[in-house]
Amino acid sequence: MNASDEFREKCRDRVEGYSSNETLKEASNSFMTATINAKYSYNFTWLGRPIIQYPQDIIAMQEIIWQVKPDLIIETGIAHGGSLIFYASMLELLGGGGRVVGIDIDIRRHNRVEIERHPMFRRITMIEGSSTDEKITEKVRQMAGGKRVLVCLDSNHTHEHVLRELELYAPLVSVGSYCVVFDTIIEDMPKGTYSDRPWDVGNNPKTAVQAYLKEHNEFVVDEEIENKLLITVAPGGYLRRVK
C-alpha cells in the first residue's frame, strides 16, 4: 500500500467511526439548529454570487463532481444562481463540454442579469417554469440523452413536490452518479422551525426521499458522505445510483 492509499484508508476508518460518535452527533445537531435559525447559509458566495448552501455541502458536491465527471448537471431551484456558477466552474476545471441546466418557477430579473453576465454563464442554460411541468421535463430529458448526468433537487421543499421531482429526474441519473436532495434536514428540525413556509416535519424532502426509496432500489443513501460532513442540510439526501 502506498502513502496515498494509506492516507485514504485512515480517512475512511475515521469517518466510519463518526457514525457511532454520539458526542459529534449531538454537537452537529446543536450547530444545525442554531445556524438554521440564524440563516447561516445565506452568508456565502461562489465566484461573486450568493450560493445559499453550507460550506460542508459545497465541499461534498465538489468531491462528487470530480469523481463522477458529469456531462450534464441538472439543478431545480436557481435563486441567486450561486450553485449554477459553482457547478459550471467545476465543469470548467474538468474541461470538455459539460453543461449545467437550472430550472426555476421564477427567475427574477436582477438574478438573471447577474448570472448571464458571469464568465461561467457560457456553460449554463436556465429554464423558467415549474420543474414538474411535463413540457420542461421533456426538454431536460432531451438534453440529458446519452450524457453522464448528476441531479440536484433544491426547489419547493414539500413532500409532494420533491417526490414528483424524484419521479421525473432521478431516472436521468447515470449509474455511479448521484441525485442529491437538499434540505432533508427539515425533518430533523424542531416542528415549526419553518413557520412561514408550507413544509415542516412530516412534509419535506426527507419524507419524499424515504417514500421514493421504498419503490426504487436503484438508489442507495451514501451514508459515508453524511458521516464525513457531520454538518449538512442533506442528511439521507445524497443518493447514489447503483443500478
Protein backbone atom coordinates (compact mmCIF):
# COMPACT_ATOMS: atom_id res chain seq x y z
CA MET A 1 0.00 0.00 0.00
CA ASN A 2 1.44 3.38 -0.99
CA ALA A 3 1.27 6.50 1.16
CA SER A 4 -1.78 7.93 -0.66
CA ASP A 5 -3.78 4.74 -0.28
CA GLU A 6 -2.80 4.51 3.38
CA PHE A 7 -3.98 8.08 3.97
CA ARG A 8 -7.34 7.40 2.28
CA GLU A 9 -7.83 4.22 4.30
CA LYS A 10 -7.21 6.10 7.56
CA CYS A 11 -9.77 8.70 6.48
CA ARG A 12 -12.37 6.01 5.73
CA ASP A 13 -11.80 4.35 9.10
CA ARG A 14 -12.08 7.67 10.91
CA VAL A 15 -15.28 8.63 9.08
CA GLU A 16 -16.83 5.24 9.79
CA GLY A 17 -16.20 5.87 13.47
CA TYR A 18 -18.12 9.14 13.34
CA SER A 19 -21.37 7.23 12.72
CA SER A 20 -21.35 5.94 16.31
CA ASN A 21 -19.82 9.00 17.96
CA GLU A 22 -22.71 10.45 19.98
CA THR A 23 -20.69 13.48 21.08
CA LEU A 24 -20.11 14.52 17.47
CA LYS A 25 -23.75 13.86 16.57
CA GLU A 26 -25.01 15.99 19.44
CA ALA A 27 -22.64 18.83 18.53
CA SER A 28 -23.71 18.63 14.89
CA ASN A 29 -27.42 18.72 15.77
CA SER A 30 -26.94 21.70 18.07
CA PHE A 31 -24.96 23.57 15.42
CA MET A 32 -27.53 22.89 12.71
CA THR A 33 -30.46 24.03 14.84
CA ALA A 34 -28.74 27.23 15.90
CA THR A 35 -27.39 28.14 12.47
CA ILE A 36 -30.57 27.41 10.52
CA ASN A 37 -32.42 29.84 12.78
CA ALA A 38 -29.63 32.38 12.21
CA LYS A 39 -29.80 31.96 8.38
CA TYR A 40 -26.12 31.00 8.35
CA SER A 41 -26.21 29.57 4.81
CA TYR A 42 -27.21 32.93 3.33
CA ASN A 43 -23.80 34.45 4.09
CA PHE A 44 -21.67 32.70 1.46
CA THR A 45 -20.93 33.33 -2.22
CA TRP A 46 -19.28 31.40 -5.03
CA LEU A 47 -17.32 33.50 -7.52
CA GLY A 48 -19.37 36.52 -6.52
CA ARG A 49 -22.90 35.04 -6.48
CA PRO A 50 -24.85 34.12 -3.31
CA ILE A 51 -24.91 30.33 -3.09
CA ILE A 52 -27.15 29.78 -0.02
CA GLN A 53 -25.52 26.49 0.93
CA TYR A 54 -23.49 25.25 3.87
CA PRO A 55 -19.74 25.18 3.07
CA GLN A 56 -19.65 21.49 4.01
CA ASP A 57 -22.20 20.59 1.34
CA ILE A 58 -20.31 22.66 -1.22
CA ILE A 59 -17.19 20.61 -0.50
CA ALA A 60 -19.19 17.38 -0.79
CA MET A 61 -20.57 18.43 -4.17
CA GLN A 62 -17.05 19.28 -5.33
CA GLU A 63 -15.90 15.78 -4.42
CA ILE A 64 -18.88 14.20 -6.19
CA ILE A 65 -18.42 16.24 -9.38
CA TRP A 66 -14.70 15.46 -9.52
CA GLN A 67 -15.43 11.77 -9.01
CA VAL A 68 -18.42 11.44 -11.36
CA LYS A 69 -17.23 13.86 -14.07
CA PRO A 70 -20.75 14.53 -15.36
CA ASP A 71 -21.53 15.88 -18.82
CA LEU A 72 -24.71 17.48 -17.52
CA ILE A 73 -25.73 18.76 -14.08
CA ILE A 74 -29.44 19.39 -13.59
CA GLU A 75 -30.49 21.70 -10.75
CA THR A 76 -34.04 22.54 -9.73
CA GLY A 77 -34.19 25.88 -7.90
CA ILE A 78 -31.92 28.72 -9.02
CA ALA A 79 -32.42 31.62 -6.53
CA HIS A 80 -29.38 33.92 -6.91
CA GLY A 81 -27.53 31.45 -9.11
CA GLY A 82 -24.54 30.69 -6.90
CA SER A 83 -24.95 26.94 -7.22
CA LEU A 84 -25.24 27.19 -11.01
CA ILE A 85 -22.00 29.17 -11.08
CA PHE A 86 -20.34 26.67 -8.74
CA TYR A 87 -21.34 23.66 -10.84
CA ALA A 88 -20.28 25.43 -14.04
CA SER A 89 -16.89 26.32 -12.54
CA MET A 90 -16.30 22.69 -11.58
CA LEU A 91 -17.15 21.59 -15.11
CA GLU A 92 -14.75 24.24 -16.39
CA LEU A 93 -11.98 22.66 -14.31
CA LEU A 94 -12.85 19.23 -15.69
CA GLY A 95 -12.59 20.53 -19.25
CA GLY A 96 -14.72 19.30 -22.11
CA GLY A 97 -18.20 20.48 -22.95
CA GLY A 98 -20.04 19.86 -19.69
CA ARG A 99 -23.11 21.99 -19.06
CA VAL A 100 -25.49 22.95 -16.26
CA VAL A 101 -29.23 23.39 -16.66
CA GLY A 102 -31.11 25.26 -13.96
CA ILE A 103 -34.89 25.29 -13.59
CA ASP A 104 -36.88 27.76 -11.51
CA ILE A 105 -40.51 28.78 -11.49
CA ASP A 106 -39.49 32.45 -11.10
CA ILE A 107 -36.08 33.64 -12.29
CA ARG A 108 -36.02 37.19 -11.02
CA ARG A 109 -34.75 39.73 -13.50
CA HIS A 110 -31.87 41.04 -11.36
CA ASN A 111 -30.63 37.50 -10.76
CA ARG A 112 -30.90 36.59 -14.43
CA VAL A 113 -28.89 39.69 -15.39
CA GLU A 114 -26.08 38.87 -12.94
CA ILE A 115 -25.94 35.20 -13.94
CA GLU A 116 -25.91 36.00 -17.66
CA ARG A 117 -23.03 38.45 -17.28
CA HIS A 118 -20.90 35.96 -15.30
CA PRO A 119 -17.90 34.33 -17.06
CA MET A 120 -19.28 30.87 -16.21
CA PHE A 121 -22.59 31.53 -17.94
CA ARG A 122 -21.21 30.02 -21.14
CA ARG A 123 -21.83 26.59 -19.57
CA ILE A 124 -25.30 27.38 -18.18
CA THR A 125 -28.83 27.05 -19.54
CA MET A 126 -31.69 28.49 -17.48
CA ILE A 127 -35.31 27.41 -17.90
CA GLU A 128 -38.13 29.36 -16.26
CA GLY A 129 -41.15 27.36 -15.20
CA SER A 130 -42.19 24.60 -12.83
CA SER A 131 -39.71 21.74 -12.53
CA THR A 132 -42.67 19.35 -12.63
CA ASP A 133 -44.15 20.77 -15.83
CA GLU A 134 -44.10 17.95 -18.41
CA LYS A 135 -43.02 20.29 -21.23
CA ILE A 136 -39.99 21.35 -19.19
CA THR A 137 -39.09 17.86 -18.06
CA GLU A 138 -39.27 16.63 -21.66
CA LYS A 139 -36.89 19.38 -22.72
CA VAL A 140 -34.47 18.35 -19.98
CA ARG A 141 -34.77 14.67 -20.93
CA GLN A 142 -33.71 15.56 -24.46
CA MET A 143 -30.72 17.50 -23.13
CA ALA A 144 -29.75 14.50 -20.96
CA GLY A 145 -29.85 11.94 -23.73
CA GLY A 146 -26.58 9.99 -23.98
CA LYS A 147 -24.90 12.06 -21.24
CA ARG A 148 -23.47 11.28 -17.84
CA VAL A 149 -25.94 13.08 -15.56
CA LEU A 150 -25.90 14.42 -12.00
CA VAL A 151 -29.13 15.79 -10.49
CA CYS A 152 -29.59 18.29 -7.61
CA LEU A 153 -33.07 18.98 -6.25
CA ASP A 154 -33.41 22.24 -4.35
CA SER A 155 -36.67 23.99 -5.20
CA ASN A 156 -40.05 23.68 -3.46
CA HIS A 157 -39.41 21.51 -0.37
CA THR A 158 -42.87 19.96 0.16
CA HIS A 159 -43.18 16.17 0.16
CA GLU A 160 -45.48 16.12 -2.87
CA HIS A 161 -43.26 18.37 -4.99
CA VAL A 162 -39.97 16.67 -4.17
CA LEU A 163 -41.43 13.21 -4.68
CA ARG A 164 -42.66 14.27 -8.11
CA GLU A 165 -39.22 15.73 -8.93
CA LEU A 166 -37.62 12.44 -7.92
CA GLU A 167 -40.00 10.52 -10.17
CA LEU A 168 -39.17 12.83 -13.09
CA TYR A 169 -35.45 13.50 -12.71
CA ALA A 170 -33.91 10.62 -10.75
CA PRO A 171 -34.31 8.24 -13.73
CA LEU A 172 -31.99 10.56 -15.70
CA VAL A 173 -29.12 9.97 -13.24
CA SER A 174 -26.33 7.78 -14.59
CA VAL A 175 -25.26 4.65 -12.73
CA GLY A 176 -22.47 5.64 -10.33
CA SER A 177 -23.67 9.25 -10.25
CA TYR A 178 -25.92 10.97 -7.71
CA CYS A 179 -29.30 12.55 -7.16
CA VAL A 180 -28.71 14.99 -4.30
CA VAL A 181 -31.85 16.11 -2.46
CA PHE A 182 -31.19 19.22 -0.41
CA ASP A 183 -32.94 20.35 2.78
CA THR A 184 -33.83 16.90 4.06
CA ILE A 185 -32.70 18.47 7.36
CA ILE A 186 -36.24 19.91 7.69
CA GLU A 187 -37.44 16.56 9.04
CA ASP A 188 -34.82 16.69 11.82
CA MET A 189 -35.52 20.24 12.99
CA PRO A 190 -38.00 21.17 15.74
CA LYS A 191 -41.57 21.31 14.41
CA GLY A 192 -42.49 24.86 13.40
CA THR A 193 -38.93 25.92 12.51
CA TYR A 194 -40.18 26.91 9.05
CA SER A 195 -43.42 28.55 10.18
CA ASP A 196 -43.52 30.87 7.14
CA ARG A 197 -43.20 28.00 4.62
CA PRO A 198 -45.54 25.18 3.52
CA TRP A 199 -43.09 22.46 4.59
CA ASP A 200 -42.43 21.13 8.09
CA VAL A 201 -41.76 17.92 9.98
CA GLY A 202 -43.64 15.15 8.17
CA ASN A 203 -43.88 17.09 4.91
CA ASN A 204 -40.46 17.72 3.39
CA PRO A 205 -37.68 16.39 1.14
CA LYS A 206 -36.63 13.63 3.56
CA THR A 207 -40.12 12.15 3.73
CA ALA A 208 -40.20 12.28 -0.08
CA VAL A 209 -36.82 10.53 -0.32
CA GLN A 210 -37.96 7.82 2.08
CA ALA A 211 -41.11 7.22 0.06
CA TYR A 212 -39.18 7.13 -3.21
CA LEU A 213 -36.55 4.69 -1.97
CA LYS A 214 -39.22 2.22 -0.88
CA GLU A 215 -40.14 1.80 -4.54
CA HIS A 216 -36.73 2.33 -6.18
CA ASN A 217 -33.83 0.11 -5.18
CA GLU A 218 -31.64 1.50 -7.94
CA PHE A 219 -30.61 4.23 -5.46
CA VAL A 220 -28.98 3.98 -2.04
CA VAL A 221 -28.19 6.63 0.55
CA ASP A 222 -24.45 7.30 0.57
CA GLU A 223 -24.03 7.33 4.33
CA GLU A 224 -20.27 7.84 4.12
CA ILE A 225 -20.79 11.38 2.80
CA GLU A 226 -23.17 12.26 5.63
CA ASN A 227 -20.88 10.72 8.27
CA LYS A 228 -17.93 12.64 6.91
CA LEU A 229 -19.65 16.00 6.72
CA LEU A 230 -21.34 15.98 10.15
CA ILE A 231 -22.73 19.38 9.15
CA THR A 232 -25.14 19.07 6.20
CA VAL A 233 -28.59 20.22 5.10
CA ALA A 234 -28.98 16.94 3.20
CA PRO A 235 -28.86 14.09 5.76
CA GLY A 236 -30.11 11.00 3.96
CA GLY A 237 -30.26 13.04 0.76
CA TYR A 238 -27.05 12.02 -1.03
CA LEU A 239 -28.50 9.30 -3.22
CA ARG A 240 -26.07 7.21 -5.32
CA ARG A 241 -27.39 5.26 -8.26
CA VAL A 242 -26.13 1.70 -8.08
CA LYS A 243 -28.07 0.08 -10.94
